[in-house]
């Protein structure tokens, strides 16, 4: 197993390794940013809803979920 692993590692060229490293890093950062944005939206949704009802009690909701996404029944 060790010999197979070493042969695989030695066959990887430096430019390929750099591409994999950059691609993996970009994917990880994008995933973490998306989760952080959704968490922030969920944290602020109650606050914004309270402010909207204070300003205009007759205001209708946009129908978005607490996470800021479209309701499942609205998707085609």
N, C-alpha and C. Protein backbone atom coordinates (compact mmCIF):
# COMPACT_ATOMS: atom_id res chain seq x y z
N UNK A 1 0.82 -1.19 0.00
CA UNK A 1 0.00 0.00 0.00
C UNK A 1 0.87 1.26 0.00
N UNK A 2 1.92 1.26 0.82
CA UNK A 2 2.79 2.42 0.90
C UNK A 2 3.47 2.68 -0.43
N UNK A 3 3.88 1.60 -1.11
CA UNK A 3 4.55 1.76 -2.40
C UNK A 3 3.58 2.34 -3.43
N UNK A 4 2.35 1.89 -3.41
CA UNK A 4 1.34 2.41 -4.32
C UNK A 4 1.08 3.88 -4.03
N UNK A 5 0.99 4.25 -2.77
CA UNK A 5 0.77 5.65 -2.39
C UNK A 5 1.93 6.53 -2.82
N UNK A 6 3.15 6.05 -2.61
CA UNK A 6 4.34 6.83 -3.00
C UNK A 6 4.42 7.00 -4.51
N UNK A 7 4.07 5.96 -5.26
CA UNK A 7 4.12 6.08 -6.72
C UNK A 7 3.07 7.08 -7.21
N UNK A 8 1.93 7.12 -6.54
CA UNK A 8 0.90 8.09 -6.92
C UNK A 8 1.37 9.51 -6.62
N UNK A 9 1.93 9.72 -5.44
CA UNK A 9 2.39 11.04 -5.05
C UNK A 9 3.53 11.51 -5.95
N UNK A 10 4.44 10.61 -6.32
CA UNK A 10 5.57 11.00 -7.15
C UNK A 10 5.16 11.27 -8.60
N UNK A 11 4.01 10.75 -9.02
CA UNK A 11 3.57 10.97 -10.40
C UNK A 11 2.86 12.32 -10.58
N UNK A 12 2.50 12.99 -9.47
CA UNK A 12 1.81 14.28 -9.55
C UNK A 12 2.83 15.37 -9.85
N UNK A 13 2.53 16.17 -10.87
CA UNK A 13 3.41 17.28 -11.21
C UNK A 13 3.05 18.50 -10.37
N UNK A 14 3.99 19.40 -10.23
CA UNK A 14 3.81 20.59 -9.39
C UNK A 14 2.65 21.46 -9.90
N UNK A 15 2.55 21.76 -11.20
CA UNK A 15 1.41 22.59 -11.65
C UNK A 15 0.05 21.95 -11.35
N UNK A 16 -0.03 20.63 -11.47
CA UNK A 16 -1.29 19.95 -11.16
C UNK A 16 -1.62 20.07 -9.68
N UNK A 17 -0.61 19.94 -8.84
CA UNK A 17 -0.82 20.05 -7.40
C UNK A 17 -1.27 21.46 -7.03
N UNK A 18 -0.70 22.46 -7.68
CA UNK A 18 -1.08 23.86 -7.40
C UNK A 18 -2.53 24.08 -7.83
N UNK A 19 -2.93 23.55 -8.97
CA UNK A 19 -4.31 23.69 -9.43
C UNK A 19 -5.29 23.03 -8.47
N UNK A 20 -4.94 21.85 -8.00
CA UNK A 20 -5.81 21.15 -7.06
C UNK A 20 -5.90 21.93 -5.75
N UNK A 21 -4.78 22.47 -5.31
CA UNK A 21 -4.77 23.24 -4.07
C UNK A 21 -5.62 24.50 -4.20
N UNK A 22 -5.47 25.24 -5.30
CA UNK A 22 -6.27 26.45 -5.50
C UNK A 22 -7.75 26.11 -5.68
N UNK A 23 -8.05 25.08 -6.43
CA UNK A 23 -9.44 24.68 -6.63
C UNK A 23 -10.11 24.26 -5.34
N UNK A 24 -9.41 23.47 -4.55
CA UNK A 24 -9.96 23.03 -3.27
C UNK A 24 -10.15 24.18 -2.31
N UNK A 25 -9.18 25.10 -2.29
CA UNK A 25 -9.29 26.27 -1.42
C UNK A 25 -10.46 27.15 -1.82
N UNK A 26 -10.61 27.39 -3.11
CA UNK A 26 -11.71 28.23 -3.60
C UNK A 26 -13.06 27.59 -3.28
N UNK A 27 -13.16 26.29 -3.47
CA UNK A 27 -14.41 25.60 -3.17
C UNK A 27 -14.75 25.66 -1.69
N UNK A 28 -13.75 25.47 -0.85
CA UNK A 28 -13.96 25.53 0.60
C UNK A 28 -14.38 26.92 1.04
N UNK A 29 -13.71 27.93 0.52
CA UNK A 29 -14.06 29.31 0.88
C UNK A 29 -15.48 29.66 0.41
N UNK A 30 -15.85 29.23 -0.78
CA UNK A 30 -17.19 29.52 -1.29
C UNK A 30 -18.25 28.84 -0.42
N UNK A 31 -18.00 27.61 -0.04
CA UNK A 31 -18.96 26.88 0.80
C UNK A 31 -19.10 27.55 2.16
N UNK A 32 -18.00 27.95 2.78
CA UNK A 32 -18.05 28.60 4.09
C UNK A 32 -18.72 29.96 4.01
N UNK A 33 -18.46 30.72 2.94
CA UNK A 33 -19.09 32.04 2.78
C UNK A 33 -20.60 31.89 2.61
N UNK A 34 -21.02 30.89 1.87
CA UNK A 34 -22.45 30.65 1.66
C UNK A 34 -23.14 30.32 2.98
N UNK A 35 -22.51 29.44 3.77
CA UNK A 35 -23.10 29.09 5.05
C UNK A 35 -23.13 30.28 6.01
N UNK A 36 -22.08 31.10 6.00
CA UNK A 36 -22.05 32.28 6.84
C UNK A 36 -23.13 33.28 6.45
N UNK A 37 -23.32 33.46 5.14
CA UNK A 37 -24.35 34.38 4.65
C UNK A 37 -25.74 33.89 5.06
N UNK A 38 -26.00 32.60 4.92
CA UNK A 38 -27.30 32.06 5.31
C UNK A 38 -27.54 32.19 6.81
N UNK A 39 -26.50 31.98 7.61
CA UNK A 39 -26.63 32.12 9.05
C UNK A 39 -26.94 33.57 9.42
N UNK A 40 -26.28 34.51 8.78
CA UNK A 40 -26.51 35.92 9.06
C UNK A 40 -27.93 36.33 8.67
N UNK A 41 -28.41 35.85 7.55
CA UNK A 41 -29.78 36.14 7.11
C UNK A 41 -30.78 35.58 8.12
N UNK A 42 -30.55 34.37 8.59
CA UNK A 42 -31.46 33.76 9.57
C UNK A 42 -31.44 34.54 10.87
N UNK A 43 -30.27 35.02 11.28
CA UNK A 43 -30.18 35.80 12.52
C UNK A 43 -30.91 37.13 12.40
N UNK A 44 -30.88 37.75 11.24
CA UNK A 44 -31.48 39.07 11.07
C UNK A 44 -32.94 39.02 10.63
N UNK A 45 -33.45 37.87 10.23
CA UNK A 45 -34.81 37.82 9.68
C UNK A 45 -35.87 38.20 10.72
N UNK A 46 -35.72 37.75 11.95
CA UNK A 46 -36.70 38.12 12.98
C UNK A 46 -36.65 39.62 13.27
N UNK A 47 -35.46 40.16 13.34
CA UNK A 47 -35.28 41.59 13.60
C UNK A 47 -35.93 42.43 12.50
N UNK A 48 -35.69 42.07 11.27
CA UNK A 48 -36.25 42.80 10.13
C UNK A 48 -37.77 42.67 10.12
N UNK A 49 -38.27 41.49 10.42
CA UNK A 49 -39.73 41.30 10.45
C UNK A 49 -40.38 42.19 11.50
N UNK A 50 -39.76 42.29 12.69
CA UNK A 50 -40.30 43.17 13.73
C UNK A 50 -40.29 44.62 13.28
N UNK A 51 -39.21 45.06 12.65
CA UNK A 51 -39.15 46.45 12.18
C UNK A 51 -40.21 46.73 11.12
N UNK A 52 -40.41 45.78 10.21
CA UNK A 52 -41.40 45.97 9.15
C UNK A 52 -42.81 46.08 9.73
N UNK A 53 -43.13 45.30 10.75
CA UNK A 53 -44.46 45.38 11.33
C UNK A 53 -44.64 46.65 12.15
N UNK A 54 -43.57 47.18 12.72
CA UNK A 54 -43.66 48.46 13.44
C UNK A 54 -43.95 49.59 12.45
N UNK A 55 -43.26 49.58 11.32
CA UNK A 55 -43.41 50.65 10.33
C UNK A 55 -44.76 50.56 9.63
N UNK A 56 -45.14 49.36 9.21
CA UNK A 56 -46.39 49.18 8.48
C UNK A 56 -47.00 47.84 8.89
N UNK A 57 -47.99 47.87 9.76
CA UNK A 57 -48.59 46.64 10.28
C UNK A 57 -49.35 45.87 9.20
N UNK A 58 -49.77 46.53 8.13
CA UNK A 58 -50.53 45.88 7.07
C UNK A 58 -49.65 45.34 5.95
N UNK A 59 -48.35 45.43 6.11
CA UNK A 59 -47.43 44.98 5.08
C UNK A 59 -47.52 43.46 4.91
N UNK A 60 -47.54 43.03 3.67
CA UNK A 60 -47.56 41.59 3.42
C UNK A 60 -46.14 41.06 3.33
N UNK A 61 -45.99 39.82 3.63
CA UNK A 61 -44.68 39.18 3.64
C UNK A 61 -44.25 38.86 2.21
N UNK A 62 -42.95 38.79 2.00
CA UNK A 62 -42.44 38.42 0.68
C UNK A 62 -42.57 36.92 0.45
N UNK A 63 -42.77 36.15 1.51
CA UNK A 63 -42.93 34.71 1.38
C UNK A 63 -41.62 33.95 1.40
N UNK A 64 -40.51 34.64 1.68
CA UNK A 64 -39.24 33.94 1.76
C UNK A 64 -39.16 33.18 3.08
N UNK A 65 -38.34 32.15 3.10
CA UNK A 65 -38.15 31.40 4.34
C UNK A 65 -37.28 32.20 5.29
N UNK A 66 -37.10 31.69 6.49
CA UNK A 66 -36.27 32.37 7.48
C UNK A 66 -34.83 32.48 7.01
N UNK A 67 -34.40 31.57 6.13
CA UNK A 67 -33.03 31.57 5.62
C UNK A 67 -32.87 32.43 4.37
N UNK A 68 -33.94 33.05 3.92
CA UNK A 68 -33.86 33.92 2.76
C UNK A 68 -34.00 33.20 1.43
N UNK A 69 -34.40 31.95 1.48
CA UNK A 69 -34.57 31.18 0.24
C UNK A 69 -36.05 31.11 -0.14
N UNK A 70 -36.31 30.73 -1.36
CA UNK A 70 -37.68 30.59 -1.85
C UNK A 70 -38.37 29.43 -1.17
N UNK A 71 -39.65 29.60 -0.90
CA UNK A 71 -40.41 28.51 -0.28
C UNK A 71 -40.40 27.29 -1.18
N UNK A 72 -40.33 26.08 -0.62
CA UNK A 72 -40.29 24.86 -1.45
C UNK A 72 -41.49 24.71 -2.36
N UNK A 73 -42.67 25.15 -1.92
CA UNK A 73 -43.85 25.00 -2.77
C UNK A 73 -43.87 25.98 -3.94
N UNK A 74 -43.02 27.01 -3.92
CA UNK A 74 -42.96 27.97 -5.00
C UNK A 74 -41.99 27.54 -6.12
N UNK A 75 -41.16 26.55 -5.85
CA UNK A 75 -40.19 26.13 -6.85
C UNK A 75 -40.89 25.33 -7.94
N UNK A 76 -40.40 25.48 -9.15
CA UNK A 76 -41.01 24.80 -10.29
C UNK A 76 -40.53 23.37 -10.35
